[in-house]
Amino acid sequence: MSRRAIGIALVAVQLVLLAAVVLLPWNDPLWHRDALVYVLAGLLALTGAVIAVLGVRGLGRSLTASPVPLDSSELVTDGLYGLVRHPIYSGLMLGALGVALAGATWWHLGVWLALVVLLMAKARWEERMLAERYEDYPDYALRVGRFIPGVGRIG
């Protein structure tokens, strides 16, 4: 299977998991959902969405839906990419966590956890390709955390 096909498959699974965390029924909650839970969940979801959108904008011409870098892409290390190597993934995880907390079922938490595992694996695979393509990537990965500033530096 080609890298492009694997990348498309990973994105498809990611979209299914994101849709599931939003669309799963909110029956039989694990905890009481009062106003504070909804405010916290909303703030997490909104913050995650903003981070993901800023990550998308920060890539500019290097943006692709696939984790496989474009032939014409450049390594982006400024803006949010100066804080974390995968701000789009960070935003998706944070936003989906907000939705999972509001949904408050084992299914929501399980789907969110599956999304986190998928994005972690996808990021590692993507980083191997980025290291092959850009000679500066290993130094960048030494300085910048994977999903959280300072956490997950490669070295």
C-alpha atoms as a PDB file:
ATOM      1  CA  MET A   1       0.000   0.000   0.000  1.00  0.00           C
ATOM      2  CA  SER A   2       1.387   3.434  -0.913  1.00  0.00           C
ATOM      3  CA  ARG A   3       2.048   6.209   1.586  1.00  0.00           C
ATOM      4  CA  ARG A   4      -0.730   8.285   0.031  1.00  0.00           C
ATOM      5  CA  ALA A   5      -3.248   5.440   0.435  1.00  0.00           C
ATOM      6  CA  ILE A   6      -2.212   4.908   4.065  1.00  0.00           C
ATOM      7  CA  GLY A   7      -2.510   8.650   4.672  1.00  0.00           C
ATOM      8  CA  ILE A   8      -6.016   8.747   3.195  1.00  0.00           C
ATOM      9  CA  ALA A   9      -7.037   5.754   5.319  1.00  0.00           C
ATOM     10  CA  LEU A  10      -5.720   7.417   8.498  1.00  0.00           C
ATOM     11  CA  VAL A  11      -7.587  10.633   7.709  1.00  0.00           C
ATOM     12  CA  ALA A  12     -10.785   8.656   7.035  1.00  0.00           C
ATOM     13  CA  VAL A  13     -10.543   6.871  10.405  1.00  0.00           C
ATOM     14  CA  GLN A  14      -9.807  10.198  12.094  1.00  0.00           C
ATOM     15  CA  LEU A  15     -12.949  11.748  10.549  1.00  0.00           C
ATOM     16  CA  VAL A  16     -15.068   8.763  11.614  1.00  0.00           C
ATOM     17  CA  LEU A  17     -13.803   9.057  15.207  1.00  0.00           C
ATOM     18  CA  LEU A  18     -14.417  12.818  15.281  1.00  0.00           C
ATOM     19  CA  ALA A  19     -17.941  12.319  13.936  1.00  0.00           C
ATOM     20  CA  ALA A  20     -18.589   9.540  16.451  1.00  0.00           C
ATOM     21  CA  VAL A  21     -17.565  11.596  19.477  1.00  0.00           C
ATOM     22  CA  VAL A  22     -20.008  14.302  18.356  1.00  0.00           C
ATOM     23  CA  LEU A  23     -22.881  12.076  17.226  1.00  0.00           C
ATOM     24  CA  LEU A  24     -22.937   9.382  19.929  1.00  0.00           C
ATOM     25  CA  PRO A  25     -26.064   9.459  22.128  1.00  0.00           C
ATOM     26  CA  TRP A  26     -25.743  11.339  25.401  1.00  0.00           C
ATOM     27  CA  ASN A  27     -27.763   8.805  27.432  1.00  0.00           C
ATOM     28  CA  ASP A  28     -26.823   7.470  30.879  1.00  0.00           C
ATOM     29  CA  PRO A  29     -24.063   9.931  31.765  1.00  0.00           C
ATOM     30  CA  LEU A  30     -21.136   8.825  33.929  1.00  0.00           C
ATOM     31  CA  TRP A  31     -21.253  12.085  35.882  1.00  0.00           C
ATOM     32  CA  HIS A  32     -23.773  14.806  36.576  1.00  0.00           C
ATOM     33  CA  ARG A  33     -23.742  17.335  33.769  1.00  0.00           C
ATOM     34  CA  ASP A  34     -24.399  20.680  35.365  1.00  0.00           C
ATOM     35  CA  ALA A  35     -23.665  24.143  34.001  1.00  0.00           C
ATOM     36  CA  LEU A  36     -20.015  23.987  35.098  1.00  0.00           C
ATOM     37  CA  VAL A  37     -19.415  20.775  33.121  1.00  0.00           C
ATOM     38  CA  TYR A  38     -20.970  22.311  30.015  1.00  0.00           C
ATOM     39  CA  VAL A  39     -18.956  25.528  30.409  1.00  0.00           C
ATOM     40  CA  LEU A  40     -15.702  23.579  30.817  1.00  0.00           C
ATOM     41  CA  ALA A  41     -16.574  21.277  27.913  1.00  0.00           C
ATOM     42  CA  GLY A  42     -17.485  24.254  25.737  1.00  0.00           C
ATOM     43  CA  LEU A  43     -14.257  26.076  26.572  1.00  0.00           C
ATOM     44  CA  LEU A  44     -12.202  22.981  25.747  1.00  0.00           C
ATOM     45  CA  ALA A  45     -14.081  22.446  22.479  1.00  0.00           C
ATOM     46  CA  LEU A  46     -13.778  26.112  21.470  1.00  0.00           C
ATOM     47  CA  THR A  47     -10.100  26.333  22.421  1.00  0.00           C
ATOM     48  CA  GLY A  48      -9.390  23.136  20.507  1.00  0.00           C
ATOM     49  CA  ALA A  49     -11.197  24.438  17.439  1.00  0.00           C
ATOM     50  CA  VAL A  50      -9.265  27.725  17.540  1.00  0.00           C
ATOM     51  CA  ILE A  51      -5.924  25.914  17.891  1.00  0.00           C
ATOM     52  CA  ALA A  52      -6.759  23.564  15.005  1.00  0.00           C
ATOM     53  CA  VAL A  53      -7.848  26.437  12.731  1.00  0.00           C
ATOM     54  CA  LEU A  54      -4.734  28.451  13.561  1.00  0.00           C
ATOM     55  CA  GLY A  55      -2.656  25.343  12.822  1.00  0.00           C
ATOM     56  CA  VAL A  56      -4.343  24.982   9.439  1.00  0.00           C
ATOM     57  CA  ARG A  57      -3.762  28.664   8.637  1.00  0.00           C
ATOM     58  CA  GLY A  58      -0.150  28.439   9.804  1.00  0.00           C
ATOM     59  CA  LEU A  59       0.704  25.754   7.248  1.00  0.00           C
ATOM     60  CA  GLY A  60      -0.239  27.975   4.323  1.00  0.00           C
ATOM     61  CA  ARG A  61       0.779  26.364   1.007  1.00  0.00           C
ATOM     62  CA  SER A  62       2.140  23.315   2.856  1.00  0.00           C
ATOM     63  CA  LEU A  63      -1.371  22.297   3.987  1.00  0.00           C
ATOM     64  CA  THR A  64      -2.611  18.889   2.917  1.00  0.00           C
ATOM     65  CA  ALA A  65      -5.300  16.639   4.366  1.00  0.00           C
ATOM     66  CA  SER A  66      -2.878  13.723   4.191  1.00  0.00           C
ATOM     67  CA  PRO A  67       0.006  13.341   6.638  1.00  0.00           C
ATOM     68  CA  VAL A  68       2.273  12.744   3.610  1.00  0.00           C
ATOM     69  CA  PRO A  69       4.141  16.019   2.903  1.00  0.00           C
ATOM     70  CA  LEU A  70       3.539  17.662  -0.455  1.00  0.00           C
ATOM     71  CA  ASP A  71       6.456  17.800  -2.877  1.00  0.00           C
ATOM     72  CA  SER A  72       6.118  21.591  -2.911  1.00  0.00           C
ATOM     73  CA  SER A  73       5.802  21.996   0.875  1.00  0.00           C
ATOM     74  CA  GLU A  74       8.158  23.825   3.192  1.00  0.00           C
ATOM     75  CA  LEU A  75       8.908  23.019   6.828  1.00  0.00           C
ATOM     76  CA  VAL A  76       6.888  25.406   9.018  1.00  0.00           C
ATOM     77  CA  THR A  77       8.478  26.140  12.403  1.00  0.00           C
ATOM     78  CA  ASP A  78       7.004  29.529  13.335  1.00  0.00           C
ATOM     79  CA  GLY A  79       3.724  30.630  14.887  1.00  0.00           C
ATOM     80  CA  LEU A  80       1.989  27.759  16.683  1.00  0.00           C
ATOM     81  CA  TYR A  81       4.499  25.423  15.031  1.00  0.00           C
ATOM     82  CA  GLY A  82       7.158  27.096  17.170  1.00  0.00           C
ATOM     83  CA  LEU A  83       5.303  25.815  20.256  1.00  0.00           C
ATOM     84  CA  VAL A  84       4.147  22.357  19.132  1.00  0.00           C
ATOM     85  CA  ARG A  85       4.909  20.236  16.078  1.00  0.00           C
ATOM     86  CA  HIS A  86       1.287  19.179  15.536  1.00  0.00           C
ATOM     87  CA  PRO A  87      -1.069  21.991  16.598  1.00  0.00           C
ATOM     88  CA  ILE A  88      -3.895  20.706  14.380  1.00  0.00           C
ATOM     89  CA  TYR A  89      -3.801  17.331  16.143  1.00  0.00           C
ATOM     90  CA  SER A  90      -3.517  19.081  19.528  1.00  0.00           C
ATOM     91  CA  GLY A  91      -6.589  21.143  18.734  1.00  0.00           C
ATOM     92  CA  LEU A  92      -8.558  18.109  17.559  1.00  0.00           C
ATOM     93  CA  MET A  93      -7.698  16.195  20.737  1.00  0.00           C
ATOM     94  CA  LEU A  94      -8.599  19.114  22.986  1.00  0.00           C
ATOM     95  CA  GLY A  95     -11.836  19.902  21.153  1.00  0.00           C
ATOM     96  CA  ALA A  96     -12.918  16.258  21.095  1.00  0.00           C
ATOM     97  CA  LEU A  97     -12.150  16.020  24.829  1.00  0.00           C
ATOM     98  CA  GLY A  98     -14.587  18.869  25.427  1.00  0.00           C
ATOM     99  CA  VAL A  99     -17.300  17.066  23.473  1.00  0.00           C
ATOM    100  CA  ALA A 100     -16.525  13.772  25.251  1.00  0.00           C
ATOM    101  CA  LEU A 101     -16.813  15.453  28.660  1.00  0.00           C
ATOM    102  CA  ALA A 102     -20.177  16.923  27.704  1.00  0.00           C
ATOM    103  CA  GLY A 103     -21.368  13.550  26.351  1.00  0.00           C
ATOM    104  CA  ALA A 104     -20.190  11.911  29.564  1.00  0.00           C
ATOM    105  CA  THR A 105     -20.529   8.261  28.500  1.00  0.00           C
ATOM    106  CA  TRP A 106     -18.022   5.423  28.319  1.00  0.00           C
ATOM    107  CA  TRP A 107     -18.518   5.458  24.548  1.00  0.00           C
ATOM    108  CA  HIS A 108     -17.526   9.118  24.314  1.00  0.00           C
ATOM    109  CA  LEU A 109     -14.423   8.570  26.412  1.00  0.00           C
ATOM    110  CA  GLY A 110     -13.500   5.413  24.484  1.00  0.00           C
ATOM    111  CA  VAL A 111     -13.850   7.113  21.111  1.00  0.00           C
ATOM    112  CA  TRP A 112     -11.837  10.094  22.359  1.00  0.00           C
ATOM    113  CA  LEU A 113      -9.097   7.757  23.581  1.00  0.00           C
ATOM    114  CA  ALA A 114      -9.099   5.950  20.215  1.00  0.00           C
ATOM    115  CA  LEU A 115      -8.729   9.338  18.501  1.00  0.00           C
ATOM    116  CA  VAL A 116      -5.763  10.224  20.729  1.00  0.00           C
ATOM    117  CA  VAL A 117      -4.065   6.886  19.987  1.00  0.00           C
ATOM    118  CA  LEU A 118      -4.688   7.315  16.256  1.00  0.00           C
ATOM    119  CA  LEU A 119      -3.312  10.871  16.210  1.00  0.00           C
ATOM    120  CA  MET A 120      -0.247   9.803  18.197  1.00  0.00           C
ATOM    121  CA  ALA A 121       0.496   7.017  15.713  1.00  0.00           C
ATOM    122  CA  LYS A 122      -0.258   9.280  12.757  1.00  0.00           C
ATOM    123  CA  ALA A 123       2.069  11.981  14.119  1.00  0.00           C
ATOM    124  CA  ARG A 124       4.944   9.518  14.575  1.00  0.00           C
ATOM    125  CA  TRP A 125       4.508   8.186  11.040  1.00  0.00           C
ATOM    126  CA  GLU A 126       4.316  11.729   9.664  1.00  0.00           C
ATOM    127  CA  GLU A 127       7.440  12.729  11.588  1.00  0.00           C
ATOM    128  CA  ARG A 128       9.453   9.930  10.003  1.00  0.00           C
ATOM    129  CA  MET A 129       8.527  11.302   6.573  1.00  0.00           C
ATOM    130  CA  LEU A 130       9.276  14.879   7.642  1.00  0.00           C
ATOM    131  CA  ALA A 131      12.697  13.823   8.941  1.00  0.00           C
ATOM    132  CA  GLU A 132      13.411  12.145   5.585  1.00  0.00           C
ATOM    133  CA  ARG A 133      12.348  15.239   3.660  1.00  0.00           C
ATOM    134  CA  TYR A 134      13.774  18.078   5.765  1.00  0.00           C
ATOM    135  CA  GLU A 135      17.304  17.969   7.154  1.00  0.00           C
ATOM    136  CA  ASP A 136      16.322  20.553   9.826  1.00  0.00           C
ATOM    137  CA  TYR A 137      13.442  18.447  11.179  1.00  0.00           C
ATOM    138  CA  PRO A 138      15.452  16.467  13.781  1.00  0.00           C
ATOM    139  CA  ASP A 139      16.791  19.721  15.322  1.00  0.00           C
ATOM    140  CA  TYR A 140      13.281  21.181  15.296  1.00  0.00           C
ATOM    141  CA  ALA A 141      11.916  18.043  16.996  1.00  0.00           C
ATOM    142  CA  LEU A 142      14.603  18.372  19.701  1.00  0.00           C
ATOM    143  CA  ARG A 143      13.368  21.872  20.569  1.00  0.00           C
ATOM    144  CA  VAL A 144       9.592  21.660  20.133  1.00  0.00           C
ATOM    145  CA  GLY A 145       7.080  19.363  21.838  1.00  0.00           C
ATOM    146  CA  ARG A 146       4.822  17.072  19.829  1.00  0.00           C
ATOM    147  CA  PHE A 147       1.327  18.078  21.085  1.00  0.00           C
ATOM    148  CA  ILE A 148       2.044  20.113  24.237  1.00  0.00           C
ATOM    149  CA  PRO A 149       4.781  22.767  24.459  1.00  0.00           C
ATOM    150  CA  GLY A 150       7.966  21.176  25.825  1.00  0.00           C
ATOM    151  CA  VAL A 151       6.467  17.657  26.022  1.00  0.00           C
ATOM    152  CA  GLY A 152       7.325  14.934  23.517  1.00  0.00           C
ATOM    153  CA  ARG A 153      10.514  16.357  22.141  1.00  0.00           C
ATOM    154  CA  ILE A 154      12.476  13.818  20.132  1.00  0.00           C
ATOM    155  CA  GLY A 155      15.996  13.330  21.337  1.00  0.00           C
END
